[in-house]
Amino acid sequence: MIFSRKAILAGAIALAGICSAAAQTRISREEYIERYKSIAVAQMERYGIPASITMAQGILESDSGNSRLSLESNNHFGIKCKKNWTGPRVYHDDDEKDECFRAYESVEASYHDHAVFLDTQPRYDSLFAYSSTDYKSWARGLKAAGYATAPDYAQRLIRIIEYYNLHLLDSPTDGERLYAASKGKTLEESSRSSSQSSLAIGGYLIDPDNYRVTINSHEGYNVYTTNGVHYVLAKEDDSYENIGSKFRLSAGNLRKFNDVKGRRTRPAHGEVVFIERKKKAWDGNARHHLCRQGETTASVAQSYGIRTRSLEKLNGLKSGAVLAAGQELRIK
């Protein structure tokens, strides 16, 4: 078939237009950071995963939201289906042909599932021993745990974090101030444009750091700390839903933070309710706890701000083990 020069030229112009349109719709790394940083900070506040790590992984795994996988399924972290995934799925060639990847209804859902994935997979448990400001240990730990096969995966994450100063997001107020300034805004203007960076409660704005860093009162609750973890005391007829609404946490997360099993919706009056994830061991000088009559692993763990399962593992105990008065338990 013979084409005229005019037809060829028209085709070339059309193709150039398509390429130009594609180039215009591509998201830059800076735009990606600005668009999703508040979600990464919110997940850090709930799960303790550095926002800088979340952002760097999103940039790397999704090509700043431009990859086929992220565009077709909102999967920004390359998370595969696994056996327990019952949601939507798509298939792409990765390490093998036609591998199953999770699909999400929104990018926000992908960010949330990324946090839940790291939080619930046993092979990532060791990461939560690191501070949410220790992005280098998190990067190396993700590689060591097998998140990605690339031999320089940790170095890639660290380079992205340091090039874009993403580590400042791990201290939310400083991070928001940095990015607000880069856009010619004040911190207050940035807060109004990003509802995730500050929380509107009772008609005023609070910074989550106000109760995570200092011991103070908030919305009628005194906020205390033990083992570096913050908690409140439940009021009469209080519920996990009510406490969670005050501290930007779901009732389900509060139950998890406090090792509450089943469908118990109300803590007892005066009961300790942690509003952060407890630690795996005691940070103080003591190494052992001497049990009193009636104590359980759950009550001991709660008194020290330690996860119940971590305490049981430290002592080689099965879940729900009966403790005897005078029994000595390791707490670190």
Protein backbone atom coordinates (compact mmCIF):
# COMPACT_ATOMS: atom_id res chain seq x y z
CA MET A 1 0.00 0.00 0.00
CA ILE A 2 1.36 3.45 -0.95
CA PHE A 3 0.84 6.43 1.40
CA SER A 4 1.06 10.05 0.27
CA ARG A 5 3.58 12.36 1.86
CA LYS A 6 0.68 14.37 3.31
CA ALA A 7 -0.77 11.30 5.03
CA ILE A 8 2.60 10.34 6.46
CA LEU A 9 3.10 13.88 7.74
CA ALA A 10 -0.37 13.92 9.32
CA GLY A 11 0.34 10.60 11.00
CA ALA A 12 3.63 11.88 12.36
CA ILE A 13 1.94 14.98 13.75
CA ALA A 14 -0.76 12.86 15.40
CA LEU A 15 1.86 10.55 16.91
CA ALA A 16 3.81 13.51 18.22
CA GLY A 17 0.62 14.86 19.76
CA ILE A 18 0.00 11.57 21.54
CA CYS A 19 3.57 11.46 22.84
CA SER A 20 3.32 15.09 23.96
CA ALA A 21 0.08 14.42 25.80
CA ALA A 22 1.63 11.41 27.52
CA ALA A 23 4.64 13.46 28.53
CA GLN A 24 2.37 16.18 29.96
CA THR A 25 0.44 13.73 32.13
CA ARG A 26 3.53 12.16 33.67
CA ILE A 27 3.90 12.99 37.36
CA SER A 28 7.26 14.27 38.55
CA ARG A 29 8.79 13.09 41.82
CA GLU A 30 8.20 16.49 43.37
CA GLU A 31 4.52 16.40 42.38
CA TYR A 32 4.21 12.86 43.73
CA ILE A 33 5.68 13.89 47.09
CA GLU A 34 3.39 16.91 47.34
CA ARG A 35 0.33 14.83 46.45
CA TYR A 36 0.85 11.90 48.84
CA LYS A 37 3.11 13.09 51.68
CA SER A 38 0.18 13.74 54.03
CA ILE A 39 -1.03 10.16 53.62
CA ALA A 40 2.45 8.83 54.40
CA VAL A 41 2.59 10.98 57.55
CA ALA A 42 -0.85 9.74 58.63
CA GLN A 43 0.25 6.10 58.27
CA MET A 44 3.42 6.85 60.24
CA GLU A 45 1.33 8.25 63.08
CA ARG A 46 -0.76 5.07 63.19
CA TYR A 47 1.80 2.36 62.56
CA GLY A 48 5.23 3.83 63.29
CA ILE A 49 6.55 3.32 59.74
CA PRO A 50 8.74 6.31 58.74
CA ALA A 51 6.91 8.56 56.29
CA SER A 52 10.20 8.96 54.42
CA ILE A 53 10.37 5.20 53.85
CA THR A 54 6.77 5.05 52.65
CA MET A 55 7.34 7.94 50.23
CA ALA A 56 10.62 6.54 48.91
CA GLN A 57 9.08 3.10 48.37
CA GLY A 58 6.11 4.66 46.60
CA ILE A 59 8.42 6.64 44.32
CA LEU A 60 10.61 3.64 43.57
CA GLU A 61 7.95 0.94 43.27
CA SER A 62 5.44 2.98 41.23
CA ASP A 63 7.82 5.19 39.25
CA SER A 64 6.21 8.14 41.04
CA GLY A 65 2.73 6.90 40.15
CA ASN A 66 3.56 6.51 36.45
CA SER A 67 4.01 2.75 36.23
CA ARG A 68 1.46 0.59 34.46
CA LEU A 69 0.70 -1.27 37.69
CA SER A 70 -0.02 1.92 39.65
CA LEU A 71 -2.09 3.46 36.84
CA GLU A 72 -4.20 0.36 36.24
CA SER A 73 -4.68 -0.82 39.83
CA ASN A 74 -3.56 2.00 42.20
CA ASN A 75 -0.90 -0.41 43.53
CA HIS A 76 1.97 1.92 44.48
CA PHE A 77 4.08 -0.56 46.42
CA GLY A 78 4.28 -3.62 44.17
CA ILE A 79 2.48 -5.79 46.73
CA LYS A 80 1.57 -9.19 45.33
CA CYS A 81 -1.65 -11.04 46.12
CA LYS A 82 -0.36 -13.66 48.59
CA LYS A 83 -2.62 -16.45 49.84
CA ASN A 84 -4.75 -14.31 52.17
CA TRP A 85 -5.67 -11.63 49.61
CA THR A 86 -9.37 -11.77 48.69
CA GLY A 87 -9.71 -8.38 47.00
CA PRO A 88 -9.40 -7.31 43.35
CA ARG A 89 -6.28 -8.36 41.47
CA VAL A 90 -4.37 -7.76 38.26
CA TYR A 91 -1.63 -9.74 36.53
CA HIS A 92 1.77 -8.46 35.40
CA ASP A 93 5.12 -9.94 34.49
CA ASP A 94 7.63 -9.44 37.30
CA ASP A 95 10.09 -12.05 38.59
CA GLU A 96 7.85 -14.54 36.75
CA LYS A 97 5.27 -14.24 34.00
CA ASP A 98 1.67 -13.22 34.87
CA GLU A 99 2.20 -12.73 38.60
CA CYS A 100 -0.79 -11.69 40.72
CA PHE A 101 -0.77 -8.19 42.20
CA ARG A 102 -3.27 -6.52 44.50
CA ALA A 103 -5.60 -3.87 43.07
CA TYR A 104 -7.13 -1.00 45.05
CA GLU A 105 -10.02 1.39 44.62
CA SER A 106 -7.79 4.36 45.46
CA VAL A 107 -4.18 5.35 46.06
CA GLU A 108 -5.06 6.00 49.69
CA ALA A 109 -6.18 2.39 50.02
CA SER A 110 -2.83 1.26 48.61
CA TYR A 111 -0.93 3.34 51.18
CA HIS A 112 -3.06 1.94 54.00
CA ASP A 113 -2.58 -1.65 52.83
CA HIS A 114 1.17 -1.10 52.60
CA ALA A 115 1.22 -0.11 56.28
CA VAL A 116 -1.01 -3.03 57.28
CA PHE A 117 1.11 -5.41 55.18
CA LEU A 118 4.32 -4.44 56.98
CA ASP A 119 2.55 -4.41 60.33
CA THR A 120 1.04 -7.90 60.03
CA GLN A 121 3.72 -9.90 58.20
CA PRO A 122 5.97 -11.64 60.78
CA ARG A 123 9.10 -11.27 58.66
CA TYR A 124 8.90 -7.48 59.10
CA ASP A 125 8.48 -7.58 62.90
CA SER A 126 12.12 -6.68 63.50
CA LEU A 127 11.67 -3.36 61.69
CA PHE A 128 9.39 -1.99 64.38
CA ALA A 129 12.24 -2.11 66.89
CA TYR A 130 13.70 0.86 64.99
CA SER A 131 12.61 4.43 65.63
CA SER A 132 10.37 6.05 63.03
CA THR A 133 13.23 8.54 62.51
CA ASP A 134 15.80 5.82 61.72
CA TYR A 135 15.12 5.59 57.99
CA LYS A 136 18.49 3.99 57.21
CA SER A 137 17.83 0.98 59.46
CA TRP A 138 14.33 0.67 58.01
CA ALA A 139 15.70 0.70 54.46
CA ARG A 140 18.31 -1.97 55.22
CA GLY A 141 15.76 -3.99 57.19
CA LEU A 142 13.29 -4.02 54.31
CA LYS A 143 15.98 -5.37 52.01
CA ALA A 144 17.12 -7.95 54.56
CA ALA A 145 13.52 -9.12 55.06
CA GLY A 146 13.12 -9.70 51.33
CA TYR A 147 10.78 -6.87 50.32
CA ALA A 148 12.60 -6.53 46.98
CA THR A 149 15.13 -8.58 45.05
CA ALA A 150 17.30 -5.67 43.86
CA PRO A 151 20.69 -5.95 45.64
CA ASP A 152 20.92 -2.16 46.08
CA TYR A 153 17.30 -1.66 47.18
CA ALA A 154 18.26 -0.11 50.53
CA GLN A 155 20.74 2.26 48.92
CA ARG A 156 18.13 3.38 46.39
CA LEU A 157 15.64 4.22 49.13
CA ILE A 158 18.25 6.11 51.14
CA ARG A 159 19.37 8.11 48.08
CA ILE A 160 15.78 9.17 47.33
CA ILE A 161 15.12 10.13 50.95
CA GLU A 162 18.27 12.23 51.25
CA TYR A 163 18.01 13.87 47.83
CA TYR A 164 14.46 15.10 48.51
CA ASN A 165 14.96 15.63 52.28
CA LEU A 166 12.13 13.20 52.95
CA HIS A 167 13.55 12.38 56.39
CA LEU A 168 12.09 15.71 57.56
CA LEU A 169 8.63 14.19 57.09
CA ASP A 170 9.46 11.77 59.90
CA SER A 171 9.06 14.78 62.19
CA PRO A 172 5.70 15.90 60.78
CA THR A 173 5.72 19.56 61.83
CA ASP A 174 9.23 20.18 60.48
CA GLY A 175 8.44 18.28 57.31
CA GLU A 176 5.26 20.19 56.62
CA ARG A 177 7.07 23.46 57.27
CA LEU A 178 9.77 22.48 54.76
CA TYR A 179 7.33 21.61 52.00
CA ALA A 180 5.08 24.55 52.76
CA ALA A 181 8.05 26.90 52.38
CA SER A 182 9.00 25.27 49.10
CA LYS A 183 5.54 26.21 47.78
CA GLY A 184 5.66 29.76 49.07
CA LYS A 185 3.07 29.06 51.81
CA THR A 186 3.07 29.46 55.55
CA LEU A 187 2.71 26.37 57.72
CA GLU A 188 -0.84 27.45 58.59
CA GLU A 189 -1.80 27.70 54.91
CA SER A 190 -0.30 24.28 54.25
CA SER A 191 -2.29 22.85 57.17
CA ARG A 192 -5.53 24.16 55.72
CA SER A 193 -4.79 22.64 52.31
CA SER A 194 -3.80 19.25 53.74
CA SER A 195 -6.25 17.89 56.29
CA GLN A 196 -3.93 14.98 57.07
CA SER A 197 -1.09 17.14 58.40
CA SER A 198 -3.26 18.55 61.19
CA LEU A 199 -6.43 17.21 62.71
CA ALA A 200 -9.63 19.19 63.21
CA ILE A 201 -11.22 18.18 66.51
CA GLY A 202 -13.83 20.18 68.40
CA GLY A 203 -13.37 23.15 66.06
CA TYR A 204 -9.63 23.63 66.46
CA LEU A 205 -6.45 22.22 64.95
CA ILE A 206 -4.09 19.98 66.87
CA ASP A 207 -0.73 18.52 65.97
CA PRO A 208 -0.47 14.80 66.84
CA ASP A 209 3.02 15.52 68.18
CA ASN A 210 1.42 17.49 71.01
CA TYR A 211 0.44 14.28 72.75
CA ARG A 212 3.05 11.95 71.32
CA VAL A 213 6.04 13.92 72.50
CA THR A 214 4.94 15.52 75.76
CA ILE A 215 2.77 14.40 78.67
CA ASN A 216 -0.24 16.70 78.68
CA SER A 217 -4.02 16.67 78.49
CA HIS A 218 -6.09 16.39 75.34
CA GLU A 219 -9.87 16.47 74.89
CA GLY A 220 -10.43 15.71 78.56
CA TYR A 221 -7.85 12.88 78.76
CA ASN A 222 -4.59 13.04 80.65
CA VAL A 223 -1.88 11.54 78.43
CA TYR A 224 0.80 9.50 80.22
CA THR A 225 3.85 7.59 79.07
CA THR A 226 5.53 4.33 80.03
CA ASN A 227 8.39 2.65 78.19
CA GLY A 228 8.30 5.60 75.81
CA VAL A 229 4.74 4.73 74.75
CA HIS A 230 1.78 7.02 75.38
CA TYR A 231 -1.51 5.99 76.95
CA VAL A 232 -4.68 7.30 78.55
CA LEU A 233 -6.97 5.96 81.27
CA ALA A 234 -10.44 4.93 80.15
CA LYS A 235 -13.35 6.88 81.60
CA GLU A 236 -16.57 5.41 82.93
CA ASP A 237 -18.67 3.94 80.06
CA ASP A 238 -15.84 4.78 77.65
CA SER A 239 -15.36 2.85 74.38
CA TYR A 240 -12.50 2.21 71.96
CA GLU A 241 -14.48 4.03 69.29
CA ASN A 242 -14.78 7.12 71.48
CA ILE A 243 -11.11 7.16 72.49
CA GLY A 244 -10.02 6.48 68.93
CA SER A 245 -12.07 9.42 67.60
CA LYS A 246 -10.16 11.76 69.92
CA PHE A 247 -6.72 10.59 68.79
CA ARG A 248 -7.26 9.93 65.06
CA LEU A 249 -7.17 6.15 65.49
CA SER A 250 -9.64 3.46 64.54
CA ALA A 251 -11.18 1.31 67.26
CA GLY A 252 -9.59 -1.71 65.59
CA ASN A 253 -6.12 -0.20 65.85
CA LEU A 254 -6.67 0.67 69.51
CA ARG A 255 -7.64 -2.93 70.23
CA LYS A 256 -4.52 -4.10 68.43
CA PHE A 257 -2.29 -1.66 70.30
CA ASN A 258 -3.72 -3.02 73.56
CA ASP A 259 -3.77 -6.72 72.59
CA VAL A 260 -7.55 -6.86 72.94
CA LYS A 261 -8.97 -10.00 71.34
CA GLY A 262 -12.53 -10.69 70.29
CA ARG A 263 -15.21 -8.05 69.99
CA ARG A 264 -14.82 -6.31 73.36
CA THR A 265 -15.83 -2.72 72.67
CA ARG A 266 -15.35 -1.13 76.09
CA PRO A 267 -12.30 -0.94 78.33
CA ALA A 268 -12.94 -1.01 82.07
CA HIS A 269 -13.13 2.27 83.98
CA GLY A 270 -9.54 3.36 84.71
CA GLU A 271 -8.01 0.76 82.40
CA VAL A 272 -4.78 1.70 80.60
CA VAL A 273 -5.39 2.24 76.88
CA PHE A 274 -2.27 2.72 74.76
CA ILE A 275 -2.65 5.14 71.84
CA GLU A 276 0.56 3.95 70.17
CA ARG A 277 2.03 0.59 69.29
CA LYS A 278 3.72 -0.95 72.32
CA LYS A 279 7.36 -2.03 72.24
CA LYS A 280 8.84 -5.51 72.10
CA ALA A 281 10.83 -5.17 75.33
CA TRP A 282 11.32 -2.94 78.36
CA ASP A 283 13.65 0.02 77.81
CA GLY A 284 14.43 0.53 81.50
CA ASN A 285 17.19 -0.99 83.63
CA ALA A 286 15.10 -3.83 85.10
CA ARG A 287 15.35 -7.16 83.32
CA HIS A 288 12.74 -9.24 85.14
CA HIS A 289 9.26 -8.99 86.63
CA LEU A 290 8.14 -10.96 89.67
CA CYS A 291 4.55 -12.09 89.16
CA ARG A 292 1.80 -11.48 91.70
CA GLN A 293 -1.29 -13.60 92.26
CA GLY A 294 -3.83 -13.27 89.45
CA GLU A 295 -1.50 -11.62 86.91
CA THR A 296 -1.57 -12.69 83.27
CA THR A 297 0.90 -12.15 80.45
CA ALA A 298 -1.51 -9.57 79.04
CA SER A 299 -1.70 -7.59 82.30
CA VAL A 300 2.08 -7.69 82.81
CA ALA A 301 2.70 -6.63 79.22
CA GLN A 302 0.22 -3.78 79.59
CA SER A 303 1.86 -2.51 82.76
CA TYR A 304 5.27 -2.33 81.05
CA GLY A 305 4.12 -1.07 77.64
CA ILE A 306 5.25 -4.32 75.98
CA ARG A 307 3.38 -6.33 73.36
CA THR A 308 1.83 -9.44 74.91
CA ARG A 309 3.10 -11.80 72.23
CA SER A 310 6.62 -10.35 72.54
CA LEU A 311 6.56 -10.97 76.31
CA GLU A 312 5.39 -14.55 75.75
CA LYS A 313 8.15 -15.15 73.18
CA LEU A 314 10.79 -13.75 75.52
CA ASN A 315 9.73 -16.33 78.10
CA GLY A 316 8.89 -19.26 75.83
CA LEU A 317 5.23 -19.18 76.88
CA LYS A 318 2.18 -20.15 74.89
CA SER A 319 -0.59 -17.63 74.35
CA GLY A 320 -2.79 -17.32 77.43
CA ALA A 321 -0.35 -19.17 79.70
CA VAL A 322 -1.22 -19.23 83.41
CA LEU A 323 1.26 -17.38 85.64
CA ALA A 324 2.06 -18.38 89.21
CA ALA A 325 2.68 -16.01 92.09
CA GLY A 326 6.43 -15.54 92.46
CA GLN A 327 7.14 -16.58 88.84
CA GLU A 328 9.91 -14.55 87.26
CA LEU A 329 9.39 -13.16 83.75
CA ARG A 330 11.96 -11.64 81.44
CA ILE A 331 10.91 -8.23 80.21
CA LYS A 332 13.95 -7.49 78.04
